[in-house]
Amino acid sequence: MKLPQVSVSNILYPTDLSDNARYAFAYAVSLADLYQAKITILHVMPEEQSIMEANIAGYIDQDKWDEIKNSHYNQTRESLIAKKRDHVLIREVLDQFSQDFRKENDTSSLADEIIIERGNPVKEILKQSKERNCDLIVMGSRGHSTLADVMMGSITKRVLRRSDVPVLVVRVPDED
C-alpha cells in the first residue's frame, strides 16, 4: 500500500480562550513551521439568545415574548453595541497572543488571519474550515469547564465526527 502524500498549507486553530486551547496553539505553530502553512485563528462566541428563546417558547406565547423583547429594545441595542466591542477586544487579544507566542518561542509562524464569529461553535468551525480550504484543524480536547462540556456536549467530539479534514486534538498533560 502506498501512503498518501501529506501536505498542509492552511491550519484552522479554533480557540475558546481556555488554557487547553492555548496549549494546542503550540502544536498549530509547530506544524505551521514544519509545513510552511498559514494559521487561521477562530473564536466563536456562542449565540446564547437563540438558546434562551428556545427555552422560553414553552413558558409564554409568541405575542407576549415579542412584547417583552420590544419593551427592552434599548437594553438590547446597548448589549449589541457591547458585543461589537467584545469582537474588537477579543481580536486584539488574539493578535497580541500570537505575536507574544512568536517572540517567546522563536518561531516565524504568526496567525495569518483572526476570525471572530457568533453562533454555534461546531457549525462555525466546520464552515470556516471549508470556506478557507483548511487541510487540518488543531484544537484542544476540552474547553473552559467539564460542566460546560456536559451541558453543551463536547464541541471537539462533534467536530471530530463531522469534519471532512483531519483534526488534531491536543490534550493538556496532567499536572503533578
Protein backbone atom coordinates (compact mmCIF):
# COMPACT_ATOMS: atom_id res chain seq x y z
CA MET A 1 0.00 0.00 0.00
CA LYS A 2 1.38 3.35 -1.00
CA LEU A 3 0.98 6.09 1.61
CA PRO A 4 -0.63 9.34 0.51
CA GLN A 5 1.48 12.49 0.28
CA VAL A 6 0.70 14.67 3.31
CA SER A 7 0.56 18.36 2.57
CA VAL A 8 -0.65 21.01 4.98
CA SER A 9 -0.97 24.57 3.73
CA ASN A 10 -3.73 26.03 5.92
CA ILE A 11 -4.34 25.20 9.58
CA LEU A 12 -7.52 26.22 11.41
CA TYR A 13 -6.96 26.80 15.12
CA PRO A 14 -10.31 27.26 16.91
CA THR A 15 -9.98 28.63 20.43
CA ASP A 16 -12.35 29.28 23.31
CA LEU A 17 -9.53 31.18 25.05
CA SER A 18 -9.08 28.40 27.63
CA ASP A 19 -5.72 27.09 28.90
CA ASN A 20 -6.26 23.89 26.92
CA ALA A 21 -6.79 25.84 23.69
CA ARG A 22 -3.70 27.95 24.40
CA TYR A 23 -1.66 24.77 24.84
CA ALA A 24 -2.97 23.46 21.49
CA PHE A 25 -1.69 26.62 19.80
CA ALA A 26 1.90 25.38 20.28
CA TYR A 27 1.03 22.38 18.11
CA ALA A 28 -0.59 24.54 15.46
CA VAL A 29 2.51 26.75 15.31
CA SER A 30 4.87 23.78 15.24
CA LEU A 31 3.00 22.20 12.33
CA ALA A 32 2.78 25.55 10.52
CA ASP A 33 6.57 25.89 10.82
CA LEU A 34 7.12 22.33 9.62
CA TYR A 35 4.83 22.63 6.58
CA GLN A 36 5.24 26.38 5.95
CA ALA A 37 1.47 26.63 6.41
CA LYS A 38 -0.86 29.52 7.25
CA ILE A 39 -2.66 29.62 10.59
CA THR A 40 -6.21 30.91 10.86
CA ILE A 41 -7.34 31.59 14.44
CA LEU A 42 -11.09 31.26 15.02
CA HIS A 43 -13.01 32.25 18.13
CA VAL A 44 -16.75 31.57 18.18
CA MET A 45 -18.92 33.31 20.73
CA PRO A 46 -21.98 31.10 21.34
CA GLU A 47 -25.30 32.58 20.29
CA GLU A 48 -26.93 32.47 23.72
CA GLN A 49 -30.04 34.43 22.77
CA SER A 50 -31.33 31.72 20.41
CA ILE A 51 -30.88 29.09 23.14
CA MET A 52 -32.73 31.32 25.60
CA GLU A 53 -35.56 31.94 23.13
CA ALA A 54 -35.97 28.22 22.50
CA ASN A 55 -36.28 27.60 26.25
CA ILE A 56 -38.76 30.45 26.73
CA ALA A 57 -41.05 29.17 23.96
CA GLY A 58 -42.54 26.57 26.31
CA TYR A 59 -43.42 29.12 29.00
CA ILE A 60 -45.14 32.01 27.22
CA ASP A 61 -46.79 32.55 23.85
CA GLN A 62 -45.00 34.29 20.96
CA ASP A 63 -47.04 37.54 21.23
CA LYS A 64 -46.11 38.01 24.87
CA TRP A 65 -42.47 37.23 24.11
CA ASP A 66 -42.44 39.80 21.28
CA GLU A 67 -43.94 42.38 23.65
CA ILE A 68 -41.24 41.74 26.25
CA LYS A 69 -38.48 41.96 23.61
CA ASN A 70 -39.87 45.25 22.25
CA SER A 71 -40.08 46.77 25.73
CA HIS A 72 -36.37 46.09 26.19
CA TYR A 73 -35.28 47.47 22.83
CA ASN A 74 -32.81 49.99 24.25
CA GLN A 75 -31.27 47.45 26.58
CA THR A 76 -30.86 45.03 23.67
CA ARG A 77 -29.35 47.76 21.49
CA GLU A 78 -26.77 48.61 24.17
CA SER A 79 -25.98 44.92 24.56
CA LEU A 80 -25.38 44.57 20.82
CA ILE A 81 -23.05 47.56 20.83
CA ALA A 82 -21.12 45.98 23.72
CA LYS A 83 -20.90 42.69 21.77
CA LYS A 84 -19.35 44.53 18.84
CA ARG A 85 -16.77 45.95 21.24
CA ASP A 86 -16.15 42.40 22.52
CA HIS A 87 -15.30 41.31 18.97
CA VAL A 88 -12.66 44.04 18.70
CA LEU A 89 -11.27 43.28 22.16
CA ILE A 90 -11.02 39.55 21.50
CA ARG A 91 -9.40 40.16 18.10
CA GLU A 92 -6.77 42.40 19.74
CA VAL A 93 -6.12 39.85 22.50
CA LEU A 94 -5.69 37.02 19.98
CA ASP A 95 -3.43 39.15 17.79
CA GLN A 96 -1.24 40.08 20.77
CA PHE A 97 -1.20 36.46 21.97
CA SER A 98 0.01 35.34 18.54
CA GLN A 99 2.75 37.98 18.45
CA ASP A 100 3.90 37.22 22.01
CA PHE A 101 3.98 33.49 21.27
CA ARG A 102 6.12 34.13 18.21
CA LYS A 103 8.66 36.19 20.18
CA GLU A 104 8.82 33.83 23.19
CA ASN A 105 9.16 30.66 21.11
CA ASP A 106 11.47 31.84 18.36
CA THR A 107 9.16 30.86 15.55
CA SER A 108 8.39 32.52 12.27
CA SER A 109 4.73 31.44 12.34
CA LEU A 110 2.15 34.03 13.12
CA ALA A 111 -1.59 33.98 12.71
CA ASP A 112 -2.34 34.93 9.13
CA GLU A 113 -5.97 35.63 9.91
CA ILE A 114 -8.05 36.07 13.04
CA ILE A 115 -11.79 35.46 12.76
CA ILE A 116 -14.37 36.24 15.44
CA GLU A 117 -17.86 34.84 14.83
CA ARG A 118 -21.07 34.46 16.78
CA GLY A 119 -23.10 31.27 16.53
CA ASN A 120 -22.88 27.54 17.02
CA PRO A 121 -19.20 26.72 17.60
CA VAL A 122 -19.28 23.35 15.81
CA LYS A 123 -21.07 24.73 12.75
CA GLU A 124 -18.75 27.75 12.57
CA ILE A 125 -15.60 25.64 12.90
CA LEU A 126 -16.74 23.34 10.10
CA LYS A 127 -17.92 26.28 7.97
CA GLN A 128 -14.67 28.23 8.34
CA SER A 129 -12.61 25.10 7.68
CA LYS A 130 -14.45 24.52 4.41
CA GLU A 131 -14.55 28.19 3.30
CA ARG A 132 -10.82 28.63 3.90
CA ASN A 133 -9.82 25.28 2.39
CA CYS A 134 -8.10 24.17 5.59
CA ASP A 135 -6.08 20.96 5.49
CA LEU A 136 -6.05 20.48 9.25
CA ILE A 137 -7.90 21.60 12.38
CA VAL A 138 -5.86 21.81 15.59
CA MET A 139 -7.86 22.20 18.79
CA GLY A 140 -7.84 21.43 22.50
CA SER A 141 -9.59 18.37 23.89
CA ARG A 142 -11.88 20.32 26.18
CA GLY A 143 -12.83 23.89 26.89
CA HIS A 144 -13.36 26.06 29.92
CA SER A 145 -15.00 23.52 32.20
CA THR A 146 -16.25 19.98 32.48
CA LEU A 147 -19.70 21.33 33.36
CA ALA A 148 -19.83 23.29 30.10
CA ASP A 149 -18.86 20.15 28.18
CA VAL A 150 -21.65 18.18 29.82
CA MET A 151 -24.29 20.89 29.27
CA MET A 152 -23.44 21.73 25.67
CA GLY A 153 -21.90 18.43 24.60
CA SER A 154 -18.30 18.20 23.58
CA ILE A 155 -17.53 20.61 20.76
CA THR A 156 -14.33 18.75 19.98
CA LYS A 157 -16.08 15.39 19.68
CA ARG A 158 -18.72 16.84 17.37
CA VAL A 159 -16.07 18.48 15.18
CA LEU A 160 -14.17 15.17 15.05
CA ARG A 161 -17.28 13.29 13.88
CA ARG A 162 -18.32 15.82 11.24
CA SER A 163 -15.09 17.23 9.85
CA ASP A 164 -14.02 16.46 6.28
CA VAL A 165 -10.38 17.22 7.14
CA PRO A 166 -8.11 15.69 9.79
CA VAL A 167 -8.48 17.05 13.31
CA LEU A 168 -5.56 17.06 15.72
CA VAL A 169 -6.91 17.02 19.28
CA VAL A 170 -4.39 18.23 21.84
CA ARG A 171 -4.78 17.17 25.45
CA VAL A 172 -3.15 19.23 28.20
CA PRO A 173 -0.84 16.96 30.22
CA ASP A 174 -1.89 16.22 33.77
CA GLU A 175 -0.23 18.48 36.31
CA ASP A 176 1.58 16.69 39.15
